[in-house]
Amino acid sequence: MPGAAVAPRYVAIITDGNGRWAEARGLPVNDGHSAGADTVKARLRDAAEWGIEELTVYSFSTENWTRSAQEVTGLMRMFAQRIQTETPELKAQGVRMRFIGRRDRITPALLELMDWAEAQTADNTRITLFIAFNYGGRAEIVDAAARFTGGTEEDFAKLLYAPEMHEPDLVIRTSGEQRLSNYLLWQSAYSELVFADELWPDFDRDAFRRTLDQYSDRVRRFGGR
């Protein structure tokens, strides 16, 4: 029976606003992405502390390839550096890393780093960090549908990029925008949505706590009464 919501166990975030954060400070856009990566790391620590079991972050979408070559190249370089330097620390903290998305257009060197990070942290159980990279919700559904031979919704879900991922209790989007932007379209069918005004690099511990409190004040009915 439906009742008062409790703290979310599975949280997904659309980490929006890095470019605007940099622009407002007169900085190169990739400085904003670096600040945003620092915020991911900090909010991951909070999530683990608060008992969240899965945190999914939208790092790079299938549409982001249309950005300038300079920005995309900088993002790929930063992504590789962060994986290489931060994976040992995340491993020590009990974080399991999983990358979801298409593997095309990603360089073999970066793919190797992604596979290495997943292998290094595969046995960790404190929290799983799903990183949506070269990800699109429609692309995920199309890729699953291409392999689907019939059956139930549960059978279809087994063909998604990370079948072990739980449907998020809560989807957060920062920067004041109020849309899903092709993010976890299948998984978020019944997720609660919270839209925060802060640009992602400004989304601090208190802002994160407020979004979780909003979730806890809601009642989830899943189509019932």
Protein backbone atom coordinates (compact mmCIF):
# COMPACT_ATOMS: atom_id res chain seq x y z
CA MET A 1 0.00 0.00 0.00
CA PRO A 2 1.27 3.51 -0.70
CA GLY A 3 2.52 5.57 2.17
CA ALA A 4 4.86 8.35 3.06
CA ALA A 5 8.08 8.27 1.07
CA VAL A 6 11.36 7.49 2.77
CA ALA A 7 14.90 8.48 1.90
CA PRO A 8 15.79 7.47 -1.68
CA ARG A 9 18.10 4.52 -2.23
CA TYR A 10 18.69 5.13 -5.94
CA VAL A 11 19.37 8.66 -7.19
CA ALA A 12 20.15 9.97 -10.69
CA ILE A 13 21.38 13.48 -11.47
CA ILE A 14 21.45 15.57 -14.63
CA THR A 15 24.56 17.59 -13.84
CA ASP A 16 23.65 20.71 -15.79
CA GLY A 17 25.22 24.16 -15.78
CA ASN A 18 28.99 23.71 -16.00
CA GLY A 19 29.30 25.94 -19.08
CA ARG A 20 27.15 28.73 -17.66
CA TRP A 21 29.09 28.56 -14.38
CA ALA A 22 32.36 29.08 -16.26
CA GLU A 23 30.94 31.82 -18.48
CA ALA A 24 29.66 33.77 -15.47
CA ARG A 25 33.23 33.78 -14.11
CA GLY A 26 34.97 34.58 -17.38
CA LEU A 27 36.58 31.14 -17.47
CA PRO A 28 37.04 28.64 -20.31
CA VAL A 29 34.16 26.19 -20.53
CA ASN A 30 36.39 23.25 -19.67
CA ASP A 31 37.19 24.89 -16.34
CA GLY A 32 33.49 24.58 -15.67
CA HIS A 33 33.58 20.89 -16.52
CA SER A 34 36.52 20.42 -14.16
CA ALA A 35 34.63 22.17 -11.37
CA GLY A 36 31.63 19.98 -12.18
CA ALA A 37 33.76 16.84 -11.89
CA ASP A 38 34.88 18.00 -8.44
CA THR A 39 31.23 18.38 -7.48
CA VAL A 40 30.44 14.85 -8.65
CA LYS A 41 33.19 13.55 -6.40
CA ALA A 42 31.94 15.55 -3.40
CA ARG A 43 28.27 14.60 -3.83
CA LEU A 44 29.28 10.96 -4.29
CA ARG A 45 30.87 11.11 -0.83
CA ASP A 46 27.66 12.58 0.58
CA ALA A 47 25.55 9.93 -1.12
CA ALA A 48 27.67 7.14 0.34
CA GLU A 49 27.52 8.72 3.79
CA TRP A 50 23.72 9.02 3.63
CA GLY A 51 23.14 5.42 2.61
CA ILE A 52 22.31 5.95 -1.06
CA GLU A 53 23.09 2.69 -2.82
CA GLU A 54 23.31 3.89 -6.43
CA LEU A 55 24.17 7.30 -7.86
CA THR A 56 23.89 7.84 -11.62
CA VAL A 57 25.36 10.99 -13.19
CA TYR A 58 24.92 12.30 -16.74
CA SER A 59 28.49 13.02 -17.82
CA PHE A 60 28.34 13.17 -21.62
CA SER A 61 25.32 12.67 -23.87
CA THR A 62 25.09 11.38 -27.41
CA GLU A 63 24.07 14.94 -28.35
CA ASN A 64 27.16 16.52 -26.77
CA TRP A 65 29.28 15.51 -29.78
CA THR A 66 27.79 18.54 -31.55
CA ARG A 67 29.70 20.91 -29.27
CA SER A 68 32.92 22.54 -30.42
CA ALA A 69 35.86 20.27 -31.15
CA GLN A 70 37.88 22.13 -28.51
CA GLU A 71 35.30 21.49 -25.80
CA VAL A 72 34.82 17.83 -26.71
CA THR A 73 38.58 17.20 -26.87
CA GLY A 74 39.03 18.87 -23.49
CA LEU A 75 36.23 16.82 -21.98
CA MET A 76 37.70 13.56 -23.27
CA ARG A 77 41.14 14.48 -21.95
CA MET A 78 39.75 15.42 -18.54
CA PHE A 79 37.63 12.29 -18.39
CA ALA A 80 40.65 10.08 -19.04
CA GLN A 81 42.78 11.92 -16.47
CA ARG A 82 40.06 11.71 -13.83
CA ILE A 83 39.58 7.97 -14.35
CA GLN A 84 43.30 7.33 -14.11
CA THR A 85 43.93 9.42 -11.00
CA GLU A 86 40.71 8.95 -9.04
CA THR A 87 39.90 5.26 -9.53
CA PRO A 88 42.33 4.07 -6.82
CA GLU A 89 40.76 6.49 -4.33
CA LEU A 90 37.24 5.45 -5.25
CA LYS A 91 38.25 1.82 -4.94
CA ALA A 92 39.54 2.47 -1.42
CA GLN A 93 36.27 4.20 -0.53
CA GLY A 94 34.17 1.19 -1.54
CA VAL A 95 32.75 2.71 -4.74
CA ARG A 96 31.85 0.44 -7.62
CA MET A 97 32.09 2.16 -11.01
CA ARG A 98 29.98 1.34 -14.07
CA PHE A 99 29.89 3.20 -17.37
CA ILE A 100 26.66 3.15 -19.37
CA GLY A 101 26.25 4.31 -22.95
CA ARG A 102 27.37 3.52 -26.44
CA ARG A 103 31.01 2.60 -26.95
CA ASP A 104 31.30 3.94 -30.50
CA ARG A 105 33.23 7.18 -31.13
CA ILE A 106 35.25 6.66 -27.93
CA THR A 107 38.97 6.13 -28.45
CA PRO A 108 40.45 2.70 -27.67
CA ALA A 109 42.68 4.27 -25.01
CA LEU A 110 39.70 5.77 -23.17
CA LEU A 111 37.70 2.55 -23.50
CA GLU A 112 40.63 0.69 -21.96
CA LEU A 113 40.65 3.08 -19.01
CA MET A 114 36.90 2.68 -18.52
CA ASP A 115 37.20 -1.11 -18.55
CA TRP A 116 40.13 -0.89 -16.12
CA ALA A 117 38.18 1.28 -13.67
CA GLU A 118 35.23 -1.11 -13.75
CA ALA A 119 37.51 -4.09 -13.13
CA GLN A 120 39.38 -2.35 -10.31
CA THR A 121 36.17 -1.54 -8.43
CA ALA A 122 34.04 -4.55 -9.39
CA ASP A 123 34.00 -6.08 -5.91
CA ASN A 124 33.03 -2.91 -4.03
CA THR A 125 29.61 -2.80 -2.40
CA ARG A 126 29.30 0.49 -0.49
CA ILE A 127 27.79 2.45 -3.40
CA THR A 128 27.64 2.06 -7.18
CA LEU A 129 28.46 5.07 -9.34
CA PHE A 130 26.88 4.74 -12.77
CA ILE A 131 28.48 7.19 -15.20
CA ALA A 132 26.32 7.89 -18.25
CA PHE A 133 28.91 8.60 -20.92
CA ASN A 134 28.12 8.83 -24.63
CA TYR A 135 24.65 8.09 -23.36
CA GLY A 136 21.17 8.78 -24.69
CA GLY A 137 17.92 7.37 -23.38
CA ARG A 138 16.48 6.88 -26.86
CA ALA A 139 19.71 5.25 -28.04
CA GLU A 140 19.56 2.84 -25.10
CA ILE A 141 15.99 1.85 -25.95
CA VAL A 142 16.81 1.46 -29.65
CA ASP A 143 19.85 -0.68 -28.86
CA ALA A 144 17.80 -2.89 -26.54
CA ALA A 145 14.95 -3.15 -29.05
CA ALA A 146 17.36 -4.35 -31.75
CA ARG A 147 18.09 -7.41 -29.59
CA PHE A 148 14.59 -7.93 -28.19
CA THR A 149 12.80 -11.00 -29.49
CA GLY A 150 9.64 -10.61 -27.47
CA GLY A 151 8.43 -11.06 -23.94
CA THR A 152 7.66 -8.87 -20.96
CA GLU A 153 8.86 -5.45 -19.82
CA GLU A 154 11.17 -7.29 -17.42
CA ASP A 155 12.65 -9.24 -20.34
CA PHE A 156 13.21 -6.00 -22.25
CA ALA A 157 14.86 -4.32 -19.25
CA LYS A 158 17.45 -7.09 -19.16
CA LEU A 159 18.75 -5.76 -22.50
CA LEU A 160 19.45 -2.22 -21.26
CA TYR A 161 23.03 -1.01 -20.78
CA ALA A 162 23.11 -1.88 -17.07
CA PRO A 163 20.39 -4.44 -16.32
CA GLU A 164 21.44 -4.48 -12.69
CA MET A 165 20.69 -0.76 -12.28
CA HIS A 166 17.61 -0.08 -10.21
CA GLU A 167 15.04 2.41 -11.45
CA PRO A 168 15.91 5.69 -9.73
CA ASP A 169 13.68 6.75 -6.88
CA LEU A 170 14.69 10.34 -7.55
CA VAL A 171 15.97 12.22 -10.60
CA ILE A 172 17.54 15.62 -9.87
CA ARG A 173 18.31 18.26 -12.48
CA THR A 174 20.35 21.33 -11.63
CA SER A 175 20.60 24.80 -13.26
CA GLY A 176 16.88 25.60 -13.18
CA GLU A 177 16.03 23.69 -16.36
CA GLN A 178 12.98 21.44 -16.12
CA ARG A 179 13.31 18.60 -18.61
CA LEU A 180 14.85 15.13 -18.79
CA SER A 181 17.00 15.78 -21.89
CA ASN A 182 16.98 12.17 -23.08
CA TYR A 183 18.14 10.80 -19.72
CA LEU A 184 17.13 7.38 -18.40
CA LEU A 185 13.84 7.48 -20.29
CA TRP A 186 12.98 3.85 -19.57
CA GLN A 187 14.23 3.76 -15.99
CA SER A 188 12.65 7.04 -14.82
CA ALA A 189 9.05 6.18 -15.75
CA TYR A 190 7.97 6.44 -12.11
CA SER A 191 10.84 8.43 -10.64
CA GLU A 192 10.19 11.53 -8.57
CA LEU A 193 11.65 14.66 -10.21
CA VAL A 194 13.26 17.56 -8.37
CA PHE A 195 14.61 20.62 -10.20
CA ALA A 196 17.26 22.66 -8.40
CA ASP A 197 18.19 26.23 -9.34
CA GLU A 198 21.91 25.89 -8.60
CA LEU A 199 24.33 25.43 -11.47
CA TRP A 200 25.97 22.05 -11.05
CA PRO A 201 29.36 23.27 -9.69
CA ASP A 202 27.40 25.23 -7.04
CA PHE A 203 25.29 22.22 -6.03
CA ASP A 204 26.75 21.79 -2.56
CA ARG A 205 26.00 19.40 0.29
CA ASP A 206 23.15 21.55 1.62
CA ALA A 207 21.51 21.79 -1.82
CA PHE A 208 21.76 18.02 -2.20
CA ARG A 209 20.19 17.53 1.22
CA ARG A 210 17.29 19.81 0.29
CA THR A 211 16.49 17.78 -2.83
CA LEU A 212 16.47 14.58 -0.80
CA ASP A 213 14.18 16.22 1.75
CA GLN A 214 11.77 17.20 -1.04
CA TYR A 215 11.66 13.57 -2.10
CA SER A 216 11.02 12.41 1.45
CA ASP A 217 8.01 14.73 1.73
CA ARG A 218 6.28 13.07 -1.22
CA VAL A 219 4.01 10.04 -1.48
CA ARG A 220 4.71 7.59 -4.32
CA ARG A 221 1.63 5.76 -5.64
CA PHE A 222 2.93 4.16 -8.86
CA GLY A 223 -0.46 4.65 -10.54
CA GLY A 224 -2.47 3.55 -7.49
CA ARG A 225 -4.43 5.62 -4.97
